[in-house]
Amino acid sequence: MALPAHTSHYVNSGDVTIHYRLFGKPGATPMIVLHGAAYFDSYDWAYVASKLASDREVVAMDMRGFGKSTWSPSKDYSTDAKLDDMRAIMADRGWKKIVPMVHSMTGRIGIIFTDAYPDVVERLVVCDSATGSNRGAGEGGGLNAAPPIFASIEDLMKSFVRKSQSPRIANDRERAEAAARKVEGGYILTRDPDMGSTVPQWPGIRTPKLNDVEIWDALARITCPIRVVRGLRSDRYTPEAIERLKTYKNLTMTEVDSEHDLPGQAPDALVATVKEFLAR
């Protein structure tokens, strides 16, 4: 299936080049959509982004080390660097204010961005992202890991098959092909296996300051409206976390009938609840 109409753009940020897909035309406050880790990139969010772009510009970005964005040679996958990537896109588009929409691993990135830059965030949408840990999925890993080589696209797909909560890549060959890079001996994912490195390994690069921000404290400092959308069949939120989220007066929570892969399993319901939130 062809992706919805959009244009592709590239912007330099630190030691990487960030790729992003742009949907829509100038209108209401623009949005930047950040994807999760296993395995998602802007491809998975293209349909949702196109539907949200009916009255505004929407960017679906490839996080550093993912998709068509380059891998960080310094292994800088820190929170600070990811916030800088968002700012780089804003500068590239000339945007003064945005609505971040974040999923899974990047939930904490959107929360910390909103906490750090309250003047540039109008609203925040958090999609099925656990709040109990300071580090997102895939963070805190080792260094210089060799990317696994899959003999075939089918083998790559099988690596994502789980008893539950499988991402779209596990059962959609076209999607899997878009996430694969041909190498000698087979295929690798377009994802840096060192994406868990939160401290840059090159001398002279600044020391990250935001890796260990406490997410619950950051949420408490945010004053703009927040919408949390969770999958009814997802395993990302504990009952305790759900109850705690209900205590934030500027936060509303809705549910869609999906597992963790909201953009793949419940895209129209997700669009509907986000549009309702944006219209408030």
Protein backbone atom coordinates (compact mmCIF):
# COMPACT_ATOMS: atom_id res chain seq x y z
CA MET A 1 0.00 0.00 0.00
CA ALA A 2 1.39 3.40 -0.99
CA LEU A 3 1.95 5.90 1.78
CA PRO A 4 -0.28 9.00 1.86
CA ALA A 5 0.96 12.02 -0.06
CA HIS A 6 3.76 13.84 1.71
CA THR A 7 7.19 15.36 1.17
CA SER A 8 10.44 14.11 2.67
CA HIS A 9 12.92 16.48 4.31
CA TYR A 10 16.31 16.25 6.00
CA VAL A 11 17.82 18.49 8.66
CA ASN A 12 21.17 18.33 10.45
CA SER A 13 21.08 18.01 14.24
CA GLY A 14 24.28 17.48 16.19
CA ASP A 15 26.11 14.53 14.66
CA VAL A 16 23.12 13.12 12.74
CA THR A 17 20.84 13.96 9.84
CA ILE A 18 17.18 13.69 10.75
CA HIS A 19 14.65 12.58 8.16
CA TYR A 20 11.04 13.66 8.49
CA ARG A 21 7.85 13.35 6.46
CA LEU A 22 5.70 16.47 6.13
CA PHE A 23 1.93 16.26 5.68
CA GLY A 24 -0.68 18.96 5.21
CA LYS A 25 -0.56 22.73 4.80
CA PRO A 26 -0.08 25.63 7.24
CA GLY A 27 -3.10 26.21 9.42
CA ALA A 28 -3.61 25.32 13.07
CA THR A 29 -0.68 24.65 15.39
CA PRO A 30 1.62 22.10 13.70
CA MET A 31 2.38 18.70 15.19
CA ILE A 32 5.53 16.58 15.45
CA VAL A 33 4.93 12.82 15.79
CA LEU A 34 7.64 10.71 17.46
CA HIS A 35 7.62 6.93 17.12
CA GLY A 36 8.55 4.08 19.44
CA ALA A 37 11.43 1.62 19.38
CA ALA A 38 10.45 -1.95 18.52
CA TYR A 39 9.99 -1.55 15.59
CA PHE A 40 8.45 1.76 14.58
CA ASP A 41 9.51 4.78 12.54
CA SER A 42 7.74 7.50 10.55
CA TYR A 43 6.43 4.89 8.09
CA ASP A 44 4.12 3.48 10.77
CA TRP A 45 2.69 6.92 11.51
CA ALA A 46 2.14 8.13 7.95
CA TYR A 47 -1.59 7.32 7.81
CA VAL A 48 -2.35 8.88 11.20
CA ALA A 49 -0.23 11.94 10.40
CA SER A 50 -2.02 12.44 7.08
CA LYS A 51 -5.44 12.36 8.76
CA LEU A 52 -4.36 14.77 11.48
CA ALA A 53 -3.03 17.10 8.78
CA SER A 54 -6.51 18.03 7.50
CA ASP A 55 -6.18 21.50 9.08
CA ARG A 56 -2.47 21.87 9.84
CA GLU A 57 1.04 20.70 9.03
CA VAL A 58 2.10 17.45 10.67
CA VAL A 59 5.62 16.03 10.75
CA ALA A 60 6.29 12.33 11.33
CA MET A 61 9.99 12.09 12.11
CA ASP A 62 12.48 9.24 12.10
CA MET A 63 14.24 9.33 15.45
CA ARG A 64 18.03 9.43 15.31
CA GLY A 65 19.30 5.95 14.55
CA PHE A 66 16.00 4.89 12.92
CA GLY A 67 14.50 4.76 9.46
CA LYS A 68 16.07 7.22 7.05
CA SER A 69 17.74 9.25 9.79
CA THR A 70 21.43 8.52 10.22
CA TRP A 71 22.99 6.58 13.08
CA SER A 72 24.86 8.68 15.61
CA PRO A 73 28.60 8.11 15.12
CA SER A 74 29.22 9.30 18.68
CA LYS A 75 26.45 7.00 19.98
CA ASP A 76 24.58 9.99 21.38
CA TYR A 77 21.05 8.78 21.96
CA SER A 78 20.60 10.92 25.04
CA THR A 79 17.37 12.67 25.95
CA ASP A 80 19.13 15.98 25.35
CA ALA A 81 20.03 15.00 21.78
CA LYS A 82 16.49 13.87 21.00
CA LEU A 83 15.08 17.17 22.26
CA ASP A 84 17.61 18.97 20.06
CA ASP A 85 16.36 16.95 17.08
CA MET A 86 12.83 18.21 17.68
CA ARG A 87 14.10 21.78 17.92
CA ALA A 88 16.03 21.32 14.68
CA ILE A 89 12.83 20.34 12.86
CA MET A 90 11.02 23.33 14.35
CA ALA A 91 13.78 25.64 13.14
CA ASP A 92 13.78 24.02 9.71
CA ARG A 93 10.03 24.60 9.36
CA GLY A 94 10.07 28.03 11.05
CA TRP A 95 7.63 26.84 13.69
CA LYS A 96 7.31 28.75 16.97
CA LYS A 97 4.85 26.42 18.69
CA ILE A 98 3.95 22.73 18.29
CA VAL A 99 1.83 19.88 19.56
CA PRO A 100 4.14 16.89 20.20
CA MET A 101 2.52 13.47 19.75
CA VAL A 102 4.66 10.69 21.20
CA HIS A 103 4.45 6.91 21.40
CA SER A 104 6.03 4.19 23.53
CA MET A 105 9.78 4.90 23.94
CA THR A 106 9.34 8.57 23.09
CA GLY A 107 6.61 9.22 25.67
CA ARG A 108 9.21 10.45 28.10
CA ILE A 109 10.85 12.53 25.35
CA GLY A 110 7.61 14.42 24.74
CA ILE A 111 7.02 14.91 28.45
CA ILE A 112 10.53 16.19 29.09
CA PHE A 113 10.41 18.41 25.99
CA THR A 114 7.18 19.97 27.21
CA ASP A 115 8.65 20.44 30.68
CA ALA A 116 11.88 21.96 29.33
CA TYR A 117 10.26 24.20 26.69
CA PRO A 118 6.78 25.09 27.98
CA ASP A 119 6.56 28.23 25.83
CA VAL A 120 6.71 26.30 22.56
CA VAL A 121 4.24 23.52 23.37
CA GLU A 122 0.51 24.18 23.03
CA ARG A 123 -0.66 20.67 23.94
CA LEU A 124 0.87 17.23 24.41
CA VAL A 125 -0.43 13.84 23.20
CA VAL A 126 1.10 10.73 24.81
CA CYS A 127 0.23 7.40 23.17
CA ASP A 128 0.58 4.19 25.16
CA SER A 129 3.85 5.03 26.88
CA ALA A 130 4.78 3.57 30.26
CA THR A 131 5.48 6.19 32.89
CA GLY A 132 7.00 4.04 35.62
CA SER A 133 10.58 4.17 34.35
CA ASN A 134 12.93 7.07 33.76
CA ARG A 135 14.29 5.43 30.61
CA GLY A 136 12.28 4.42 27.60
CA ALA A 137 12.27 1.04 25.93
CA GLY A 138 15.59 0.32 24.27
CA GLU A 139 17.55 2.82 26.37
CA GLY A 140 20.46 1.96 28.61
CA GLY A 141 21.98 -0.70 26.33
CA GLY A 142 25.56 -1.55 25.46
CA LEU A 143 27.91 -0.19 22.82
CA ASN A 144 29.38 -1.32 19.51
CA ALA A 145 26.79 -4.02 19.05
CA ALA A 146 26.81 -5.68 15.65
CA PRO A 147 23.43 -5.40 13.91
CA PRO A 148 21.82 -8.82 13.59
CA ILE A 149 21.71 -10.10 10.02
CA PHE A 150 18.52 -11.83 8.89
CA ALA A 151 18.76 -14.30 6.02
CA SER A 152 15.40 -13.18 4.65
CA ILE A 153 12.64 -10.64 5.18
CA GLU A 154 10.56 -13.46 6.62
CA ASP A 155 13.22 -14.13 9.26
CA LEU A 156 13.28 -10.43 10.13
CA MET A 157 9.51 -10.45 10.54
CA LYS A 158 9.61 -13.57 12.73
CA SER A 159 11.97 -11.81 15.14
CA PHE A 160 9.10 -9.48 16.08
CA VAL A 161 6.43 -12.13 16.51
CA ARG A 162 5.30 -12.37 20.14
CA LYS A 163 2.46 -14.08 21.96
CA SER A 164 0.91 -10.65 22.27
CA GLN A 165 1.76 -7.01 21.51
CA SER A 166 3.50 -7.72 18.18
CA PRO A 167 4.17 -4.58 16.10
CA ARG A 168 3.00 -4.20 12.54
CA ILE A 169 6.38 -5.25 11.16
CA ALA A 170 5.73 -8.81 12.41
CA ASN A 171 2.87 -9.45 9.96
CA ASP A 172 3.17 -6.86 7.19
CA ARG A 173 5.84 -7.77 4.64
CA GLU A 174 5.73 -4.41 2.85
CA ARG A 175 6.28 -2.65 6.14
CA ALA A 176 9.16 -5.02 6.98
CA GLU A 177 10.81 -4.36 3.62
CA ALA A 178 10.70 -0.62 4.36
CA ALA A 179 12.53 -1.24 7.64
CA ALA A 180 15.23 -3.43 6.12
CA ARG A 181 18.58 -2.68 4.54
CA LYS A 182 20.25 -5.20 2.22
CA VAL A 183 23.76 -6.21 3.28
CA GLU A 184 26.08 -9.09 2.48
CA GLY A 185 24.46 -12.20 3.85
CA GLY A 186 20.94 -10.86 4.17
CA TYR A 187 19.18 -7.90 5.76
CA ILE A 188 19.60 -5.64 8.78
CA LEU A 189 17.11 -3.30 10.39
CA THR A 190 17.34 0.43 9.78
CA ARG A 191 17.86 0.85 13.51
CA ASP A 192 21.17 1.37 15.27
CA PRO A 193 21.71 -1.54 17.70
CA ASP A 194 23.45 1.00 19.95
CA MET A 195 20.29 3.12 20.25
CA GLY A 196 20.39 2.49 24.01
CA SER A 197 23.52 4.59 24.51
CA THR A 198 22.49 7.67 26.50
CA VAL A 199 25.97 9.18 26.83
CA PRO A 200 27.96 10.28 23.74
CA GLN A 201 31.24 8.44 23.34
CA TRP A 202 33.24 11.16 21.60
CA PRO A 203 35.28 13.65 23.67
CA GLY A 204 34.13 17.24 23.61
CA ILE A 205 30.40 16.54 23.28
CA ARG A 206 28.35 18.04 26.10
CA THR A 207 27.37 15.92 29.09
CA PRO A 208 23.64 15.12 28.92
CA LYS A 209 21.59 16.70 31.70
CA LEU A 210 18.11 15.31 31.05
CA ASN A 211 18.55 11.53 30.95
CA ASP A 212 17.43 11.06 34.54
CA VAL A 213 14.57 13.54 34.76
CA GLU A 214 11.81 12.02 36.91
CA ILE A 215 8.80 11.67 34.61
CA TRP A 216 6.13 12.04 37.31
CA ASP A 217 7.77 15.26 38.53
CA ALA A 218 7.96 16.57 34.97
CA LEU A 219 4.27 15.84 34.45
CA ALA A 220 3.47 17.77 37.60
CA ARG A 221 5.28 20.83 36.26
CA ILE A 222 3.49 20.85 32.90
CA THR A 223 0.55 23.26 32.71
CA CYS A 224 -0.64 22.79 29.13
CA PRO A 225 -3.41 20.25 28.32
CA ILE A 226 -2.23 16.63 28.04
CA ARG A 227 -4.08 13.76 26.39
CA VAL A 228 -2.99 10.20 27.18
CA VAL A 229 -4.29 7.57 24.75
CA ARG A 230 -3.81 3.96 25.75
CA GLY A 231 -4.61 0.68 24.06
CA LEU A 232 -7.33 -1.31 25.82
CA ARG A 233 -5.36 -4.50 25.23
CA SER A 234 -1.93 -2.99 25.76
CA ASP A 235 0.42 -4.05 28.54
CA ARG A 236 2.14 -0.67 29.02
CA TYR A 237 0.15 0.78 31.93
CA THR A 238 -0.18 -0.72 35.37
CA PRO A 239 -3.42 -0.08 37.28
CA GLU A 240 -1.38 2.04 39.70
CA ALA A 241 -0.04 4.21 36.87
CA ILE A 242 -3.53 4.72 35.46
CA GLU A 243 -4.83 5.86 38.83
CA ARG A 244 -1.89 8.20 39.29
CA LEU A 245 -2.38 9.76 35.85
CA LYS A 246 -5.97 10.57 36.81
CA THR A 247 -4.71 12.89 39.55
CA TYR A 248 -3.28 15.42 37.08
CA LYS A 249 -5.95 18.05 36.51
CA ASN A 250 -4.71 19.09 33.05
CA LEU A 251 -4.56 15.47 31.82
CA THR A 252 -7.34 13.50 30.18
CA MET A 253 -7.14 9.82 29.26
CA THR A 254 -8.93 7.94 26.50
CA GLU A 255 -8.76 4.37 25.23
CA VAL A 256 -8.75 2.75 21.82
CA ASP A 257 -9.31 -0.92 21.05
CA SER A 258 -5.77 -2.05 20.32
CA GLU A 259 -2.64 -3.57 21.75
CA HIS A 260 0.48 -1.41 21.94
CA ASP A 261 0.57 -0.70 18.19
CA LEU A 262 -2.07 2.05 18.21
CA PRO A 263 -1.23 3.49 14.76
CA GLY A 264 -1.37 0.03 13.19
CA GLN A 265 -4.36 -1.48 14.99
CA ALA A 266 -6.64 1.48 15.77
CA PRO A 267 -5.57 4.38 13.53
CA ASP A 268 -9.00 5.90 12.94
CA ALA A 269 -9.99 5.74 16.60
CA LEU A 270 -6.65 7.31 17.50
CA VAL A 271 -7.17 10.13 15.00
CA ALA A 272 -10.68 10.74 16.31
CA THR A 273 -9.66 11.09 19.94
CA VAL A 274 -6.70 13.33 19.09
CA LYS A 275 -8.85 15.58 16.90
CA GLU A 276 -11.40 15.85 19.71
CA PHE A 277 -8.59 16.86 22.08
CA LEU A 278 -7.16 19.42 19.65
CA ALA A 279 -10.61 20.99 19.17
CA ARG A 280 -11.12 21.65 22.89
